[in-house]
């Protein structure tokens, strides 16, 4: 139930065929990432950063766990929202995070061009496209989870 007392429609359950199509997009994105030679830990950093911006607790729960399994340190996860102010991220990671943030918040055209130019300095065309698709897909999953009011899984750590 929401604060107003109205329960949310779980759109992923209500229209399963549409959600399956979204899953198929995610699988195609995973393949594009692999073909672009990008590491899964980088993808998880992008997924987390996009989910932080969008405020999607459900996706953060999923992707922080996935990042930890990929070997991303808790220190890097802790400072990810302030990545520009640390030395904890490589040039490639910074380029991917710049692009992901820009595609998520959609700043002015001028700012987008600056962000894109910065990303182009460190990403090949194939990598840039793959990161863009990761970002687009993650934004879509964030919105599905937020609209449906999905909640993170309860853990013993939180009690």
C-alpha atoms as a PDB file:
ATOM      1  CA  UNK A   1       0.000   0.000   0.000  1.00  0.00           C
ATOM      2  CA  UNK A   2       1.115   3.529  -0.678  1.00  0.00           C
ATOM      3  CA  UNK A   3       0.708   6.450   1.743  1.00  0.00           C
ATOM      4  CA  UNK A   4      -2.671   7.190   0.140  1.00  0.00           C
ATOM      5  CA  UNK A   5      -3.819   3.622   0.812  1.00  0.00           C
ATOM      6  CA  UNK A   6      -3.992   2.633  -2.843  1.00  0.00           C
ATOM      7  CA  UNK A   7      -2.027  -0.465  -3.766  1.00  0.00           C
ATOM      8  CA  UNK A   8       0.277  -0.257  -6.755  1.00  0.00           C
ATOM      9  CA  UNK A   9      -0.199  -2.313  -9.887  1.00  0.00           C
ATOM     10  CA  UNK A  10       2.856  -4.504 -10.435  1.00  0.00           C
ATOM     11  CA  UNK A  11       3.265  -3.630 -14.091  1.00  0.00           C
ATOM     12  CA  UNK A  12       5.854  -6.365 -14.614  1.00  0.00           C
ATOM     13  CA  UNK A  13       3.228  -8.900 -13.507  1.00  0.00           C
ATOM     14  CA  UNK A  14       0.223  -7.216 -15.129  1.00  0.00           C
ATOM     15  CA  UNK A  15       1.781  -7.242 -18.589  1.00  0.00           C
ATOM     16  CA  UNK A  16       4.251 -10.110 -18.424  1.00  0.00           C
ATOM     17  CA  UNK A  17       4.903 -10.133 -22.166  1.00  0.00           C
ATOM     18  CA  UNK A  18       6.104  -6.518 -22.046  1.00  0.00           C
ATOM     19  CA  UNK A  19       8.345  -7.309 -19.076  1.00  0.00           C
ATOM     20  CA  UNK A  20       9.732 -10.376 -20.884  1.00  0.00           C
ATOM     21  CA  UNK A  21      10.582  -8.068 -23.792  1.00  0.00           C
ATOM     22  CA  UNK A  22      12.439  -5.807 -21.328  1.00  0.00           C
ATOM     23  CA  UNK A  23      14.344  -8.852 -20.052  1.00  0.00           C
ATOM     24  CA  UNK A  24      15.237  -9.696 -23.670  1.00  0.00           C
ATOM     25  CA  UNK A  25      16.607  -6.160 -24.077  1.00  0.00           C
ATOM     26  CA  UNK A  26      18.729  -6.673 -20.942  1.00  0.00           C
ATOM     27  CA  UNK A  27      20.089  -9.931 -22.358  1.00  0.00           C
ATOM     28  CA  UNK A  28      20.969  -8.208 -25.651  1.00  0.00           C
ATOM     29  CA  UNK A  29      22.677  -5.423 -23.684  1.00  0.00           C
ATOM     30  CA  UNK A  30      24.688  -8.000 -21.713  1.00  0.00           C
ATOM     31  CA  UNK A  31      25.865  -9.482 -25.025  1.00  0.00           C
ATOM     32  CA  UNK A  32      26.790  -6.033 -26.400  1.00  0.00           C
ATOM     33  CA  UNK A  33      28.774  -5.305 -23.221  1.00  0.00           C
ATOM     34  CA  UNK A  34      30.717  -8.548 -23.586  1.00  0.00           C
ATOM     35  CA  UNK A  35      31.383  -7.888 -27.284  1.00  0.00           C
ATOM     36  CA  UNK A  36      32.648  -4.403 -26.384  1.00  0.00           C
ATOM     37  CA  UNK A  37      35.104  -5.979 -23.940  1.00  0.00           C
ATOM     38  CA  UNK A  38      33.651  -4.225 -20.902  1.00  0.00           C
ATOM     39  CA  UNK A  39      33.950  -5.778 -17.467  1.00  0.00           C
ATOM     40  CA  UNK A  40      30.818  -6.747 -15.492  1.00  0.00           C
ATOM     41  CA  UNK A  41      32.087  -4.765 -12.509  1.00  0.00           C
ATOM     42  CA  UNK A  42      31.986  -1.599 -14.639  1.00  0.00           C
ATOM     43  CA  UNK A  43      28.439  -2.417 -15.726  1.00  0.00           C
ATOM     44  CA  UNK A  44      27.397  -2.860 -12.104  1.00  0.00           C
ATOM     45  CA  UNK A  45      28.936   0.508 -11.181  1.00  0.00           C
ATOM     46  CA  UNK A  46      26.865   2.099 -13.952  1.00  0.00           C
ATOM     47  CA  UNK A  47      23.718   0.239 -12.839  1.00  0.00           C
ATOM     48  CA  UNK A  48      24.232   1.406  -9.261  1.00  0.00           C
ATOM     49  CA  UNK A  49      24.949   5.023 -10.196  1.00  0.00           C
ATOM     50  CA  UNK A  50      21.846   5.213 -12.406  1.00  0.00           C
ATOM     51  CA  UNK A  51      19.761   3.657  -9.630  1.00  0.00           C
ATOM     52  CA  UNK A  52      21.191   6.140  -7.093  1.00  0.00           C
ATOM     53  CA  UNK A  53      20.190   9.053  -9.305  1.00  0.00           C
ATOM     54  CA  UNK A  54      16.700   7.623  -9.807  1.00  0.00           C
ATOM     55  CA  UNK A  55      16.250   6.670  -6.153  1.00  0.00           C
ATOM     56  CA  UNK A  56      15.416   3.031  -6.897  1.00  0.00           C
ATOM     57  CA  UNK A  57      16.036   1.087  -3.677  1.00  0.00           C
ATOM     58  CA  UNK A  58      14.996  -2.230  -5.231  1.00  0.00           C
ATOM     59  CA  UNK A  59      17.543  -1.996  -8.061  1.00  0.00           C
ATOM     60  CA  UNK A  60      20.225  -0.709  -5.688  1.00  0.00           C
ATOM     61  CA  UNK A  61      19.697  -3.792  -3.525  1.00  0.00           C
ATOM     62  CA  UNK A  62      20.111  -6.091  -6.525  1.00  0.00           C
ATOM     63  CA  UNK A  63      23.066  -4.347  -8.153  1.00  0.00           C
ATOM     64  CA  UNK A  64      25.102  -3.641  -5.025  1.00  0.00           C
ATOM     65  CA  UNK A  65      24.978  -7.386  -4.351  1.00  0.00           C
ATOM     66  CA  UNK A  66      25.985  -8.111  -7.946  1.00  0.00           C
ATOM     67  CA  UNK A  67      28.856  -5.598  -7.738  1.00  0.00           C
ATOM     68  CA  UNK A  68      30.163  -7.217  -4.571  1.00  0.00           C
ATOM     69  CA  UNK A  69      30.073 -10.621  -6.321  1.00  0.00           C
ATOM     70  CA  UNK A  70      32.067  -9.066  -9.185  1.00  0.00           C
ATOM     71  CA  UNK A  71      34.736  -7.952  -6.729  1.00  0.00           C
ATOM     72  CA  UNK A  72      33.882  -4.260  -6.396  1.00  0.00           C
ATOM     73  CA  UNK A  73      35.102  -3.134  -2.970  1.00  0.00           C
ATOM     74  CA  UNK A  74      32.787  -1.739  -0.328  1.00  0.00           C
ATOM     75  CA  UNK A  75      34.972   1.385  -0.270  1.00  0.00           C
ATOM     76  CA  UNK A  76      34.349   2.051  -3.963  1.00  0.00           C
ATOM     77  CA  UNK A  77      30.632   1.389  -3.513  1.00  0.00           C
ATOM     78  CA  UNK A  78      30.532   3.763  -0.543  1.00  0.00           C
ATOM     79  CA  UNK A  79      32.027   6.646  -2.544  1.00  0.00           C
ATOM     80  CA  UNK A  80      30.300   5.950  -5.869  1.00  0.00           C
ATOM     81  CA  UNK A  81      27.800   8.798  -5.477  1.00  0.00           C
ATOM     82  CA  UNK A  82      30.807  11.156  -5.116  1.00  0.00           C
ATOM     83  CA  UNK A  83      33.015   9.450  -7.712  1.00  0.00           C
ATOM     84  CA  UNK A  84      34.154  12.755  -9.225  1.00  0.00           C
ATOM     85  CA  UNK A  85      35.756  13.684  -5.895  1.00  0.00           C
ATOM     86  CA  UNK A  86      37.854  10.538  -5.475  1.00  0.00           C
ATOM     87  CA  UNK A  87      40.778   8.819  -7.126  1.00  0.00           C
ATOM     88  CA  UNK A  88      39.041   5.436  -6.768  1.00  0.00           C
ATOM     89  CA  UNK A  89      37.894   5.116 -10.376  1.00  0.00           C
ATOM     90  CA  UNK A  90      39.840   4.565 -13.597  1.00  0.00           C
ATOM     91  CA  UNK A  91      39.570   6.825 -16.645  1.00  0.00           C
ATOM     92  CA  UNK A  92      37.381   4.208 -18.352  1.00  0.00           C
ATOM     93  CA  UNK A  93      35.067   4.003 -15.335  1.00  0.00           C
ATOM     94  CA  UNK A  94      34.902   7.793 -15.095  1.00  0.00           C
ATOM     95  CA  UNK A  95      33.993   8.028 -18.786  1.00  0.00           C
ATOM     96  CA  UNK A  96      31.251   5.431 -18.361  1.00  0.00           C
ATOM     97  CA  UNK A  97      29.888   7.140 -15.251  1.00  0.00           C
ATOM     98  CA  UNK A  98      29.938  10.542 -16.987  1.00  0.00           C
ATOM     99  CA  UNK A  99      27.949   9.155 -19.891  1.00  0.00           C
ATOM    100  CA  UNK A 100      25.529   7.254 -17.637  1.00  0.00           C
ATOM    101  CA  UNK A 101      24.806  10.307 -15.497  1.00  0.00           C
ATOM    102  CA  UNK A 102      24.279  12.496 -18.553  1.00  0.00           C
ATOM    103  CA  UNK A 103      21.905  10.012 -20.184  1.00  0.00           C
ATOM    104  CA  UNK A 104      19.972   9.626 -16.933  1.00  0.00           C
ATOM    105  CA  UNK A 105      19.491  13.277 -15.960  1.00  0.00           C
ATOM    106  CA  UNK A 106      19.414  14.598 -19.556  1.00  0.00           C
ATOM    107  CA  UNK A 107      21.027  17.981 -18.978  1.00  0.00           C
ATOM    108  CA  UNK A 108      21.005  20.788 -21.542  1.00  0.00           C
ATOM    109  CA  UNK A 109      22.258  19.969 -25.020  1.00  0.00           C
ATOM    110  CA  UNK A 110      25.470  21.896 -24.333  1.00  0.00           C
ATOM    111  CA  UNK A 111      26.172  19.911 -21.158  1.00  0.00           C
ATOM    112  CA  UNK A 112      25.316  16.663 -22.948  1.00  0.00           C
ATOM    113  CA  UNK A 113      27.832  17.489 -25.670  1.00  0.00           C
ATOM    114  CA  UNK A 114      30.543  18.178 -23.083  1.00  0.00           C
ATOM    115  CA  UNK A 115      29.774  14.919 -21.252  1.00  0.00           C
ATOM    116  CA  UNK A 116      29.747  12.989 -24.524  1.00  0.00           C
ATOM    117  CA  UNK A 117      33.077  14.500 -25.592  1.00  0.00           C
ATOM    118  CA  UNK A 118      34.600  13.556 -22.228  1.00  0.00           C
ATOM    119  CA  UNK A 119      33.314   9.976 -22.554  1.00  0.00           C
ATOM    120  CA  UNK A 120      34.630   9.726 -26.144  1.00  0.00           C
ATOM    121  CA  UNK A 121      38.151  10.385 -24.881  1.00  0.00           C
ATOM    122  CA  UNK A 122      38.209   6.965 -23.167  1.00  0.00           C
ATOM    123  CA  UNK A 123      35.533   4.816 -24.818  1.00  0.00           C
ATOM    124  CA  UNK A 124      35.505   3.253 -28.269  1.00  0.00           C
ATOM    125  CA  UNK A 125      32.349   3.589 -30.356  1.00  0.00           C
ATOM    126  CA  UNK A 126      31.352   0.053 -29.377  1.00  0.00           C
ATOM    127  CA  UNK A 127      31.987   0.708 -25.677  1.00  0.00           C
ATOM    128  CA  UNK A 128      30.171   4.025 -25.754  1.00  0.00           C
ATOM    129  CA  UNK A 129      27.148   2.425 -27.391  1.00  0.00           C
ATOM    130  CA  UNK A 130      27.171  -0.491 -24.927  1.00  0.00           C
ATOM    131  CA  UNK A 131      27.326   1.850 -21.912  1.00  0.00           C
ATOM    132  CA  UNK A 132      24.508   3.940 -23.401  1.00  0.00           C
ATOM    133  CA  UNK A 133      22.383   0.783 -23.722  1.00  0.00           C
ATOM    134  CA  UNK A 134      23.242  -0.290 -20.158  1.00  0.00           C
ATOM    135  CA  UNK A 135      22.059   3.125 -18.996  1.00  0.00           C
ATOM    136  CA  UNK A 136      18.862   3.071 -21.059  1.00  0.00           C
ATOM    137  CA  UNK A 137      18.003  -0.434 -19.842  1.00  0.00           C
ATOM    138  CA  UNK A 138      18.755   0.393 -16.194  1.00  0.00           C
ATOM    139  CA  UNK A 139      16.608   3.516 -16.367  1.00  0.00           C
ATOM    140  CA  UNK A 140      13.751   1.386 -17.719  1.00  0.00           C
ATOM    141  CA  UNK A 141      14.117  -1.202 -14.943  1.00  0.00           C
ATOM    142  CA  UNK A 142      14.278   1.598 -12.350  1.00  0.00           C
ATOM    143  CA  UNK A 143      11.015   2.979 -13.609  1.00  0.00           C
ATOM    144  CA  UNK A 144       9.314  -0.438 -13.612  1.00  0.00           C
ATOM    145  CA  UNK A 145      10.392  -0.961  -9.999  1.00  0.00           C
ATOM    146  CA  UNK A 146       9.468   2.544  -8.865  1.00  0.00           C
ATOM    147  CA  UNK A 147       6.058   2.546 -10.589  1.00  0.00           C
ATOM    148  CA  UNK A 148       5.322  -0.915  -9.152  1.00  0.00           C
ATOM    149  CA  UNK A 149       6.639   0.131  -5.716  1.00  0.00           C
ATOM    150  CA  UNK A 150       8.959  -2.870  -5.502  1.00  0.00           C
ATOM    151  CA  UNK A 151      10.770  -3.065  -2.181  1.00  0.00           C
ATOM    152  CA  UNK A 152      14.264  -4.391  -1.523  1.00  0.00           C
ATOM    153  CA  UNK A 153      14.646  -7.846  -0.074  1.00  0.00           C
ATOM    154  CA  UNK A 154      14.904  -7.830   3.724  1.00  0.00           C
ATOM    155  CA  UNK A 155      18.338  -8.831   5.019  1.00  0.00           C
ATOM    156  CA  UNK A 156      19.692  -9.754   8.405  1.00  0.00           C
ATOM    157  CA  UNK A 157      22.146  -6.846   8.110  1.00  0.00           C
ATOM    158  CA  UNK A 158      19.297  -4.336   8.240  1.00  0.00           C
ATOM    159  CA  UNK A 159      17.797  -5.672  11.469  1.00  0.00           C
END
